Amino acid sequence: MDKELISVIIPVYNVEKFLPYSLESVINQTYKNLEIIIINDGSTDGSKAICEQYAKNDKRIKLLSQKNQGLSAARNAGLNIVTGKYIGFVDSDDVISLEFYECLYKLLKETNSDISECASVQISDEDLFNNKTKFDNINNLDFITTDSLGALNRINSEEIYITGKSIVVWNKLYKKELFDDIGFPVGKKYEDDLTTYKLFNKIHKLVSTEKVLYDYVQRKNSLMHKDFSIGRLEALEVFDNYEQFFKEYNNRYLYDKCLVRYLRILCTILEELYNSQYEDKEKVKNILEKKFNEVYSKLESSLDGLKPKELDYVEKNKELYFKKFFYLLGK
């Protein structure tokens, strides 16, 4: 039986230096039955011309151009026209192993999962330009499987690596039907955070490998290298969404772990603020302190019914972040 069609959605915006590397890593996949959907999101550099040239040379490529609307809108435009049974996303300044889709498809089919995912590593733009990518050999393919509850639990893990691996959408392969009633939130900064938990809530099984098959390129001028801005506080909206979702999910321990993670991110933002040159630090400090106290209070009143090990986990971490937050606040 022929392998089933995988639709790969690639949003593009002003990445002319990186785009050929990214597209080459997709079109040269060992898994050939691909529908490659490129959405040119109003690029003003040479990205559109590069996309057009690749589309001429590869009949699997469908190219859409639209006014600049942001990453979520571009991904949604791709979702609107996919015809594959499975869906993947690749950011146009990143690169994937040539076995990326072969591996994720194999895992998904052999374990009868709804989502398969791999590990990723960060490389610099210099690494990319010098062909110093970092991928694992897929021999002796290791993996674990988990159900929906386990996948949601991974989002709230205290192991930051597991949380990061779980939240992002680009290291995964999905059954198409998961997106039947789910799209990416347009105009939001943390689109992956606001989407992945909804997908995990629909699945029966997720399969995950620790093999590194995706290289995330950290550009020098990316948002992560910029000084603190008030836009960082959009993360509070993300965690308010998480808090409401896990409250309604009706699993006390999972809800408490969500609140613990909320405390952790508030500490992280405060530390970023402290190390920045942002002018109105007091205003942001007041916002963060008010939110920290609110979340901490919710956590304190949500401990009844936890098992001893669960209670120990929550108590230990909430006090850890309490001390860290107010230490940073007083600096």
Foldseek 3Di string as FASTA:
>chain_A
DQDFEEEEEEEDAAPVVQQVQAVVLVCLAPNHRYQYEYEDQQHPDCVVVVLVVVVVVDVSYDYHYDHHFDDQVSVVVSLVDDDTQKYAYDYRNKHFHSHLVVVQVVQCVVVVWFKEFEAAEEDEVVCSVVVVDDFDDCPPWDKDKDFLVVLLLQCLDPPVRSVVRSQDRHRMMGGSVLCVPFGFDTPADRRSLQGRNSSSNPIGMYMYTHTHTIYHYDYCPDPVNDADDPSVCSVVVSLVVVLVVVVVVPDLLSNLSSLLVVLVVLLVSLVSLLPGPDDPSVVVLVVSVVVNVVSLVVNVVRQPPDDPVSNVVSVVSNVVSVVSSVVSSVD
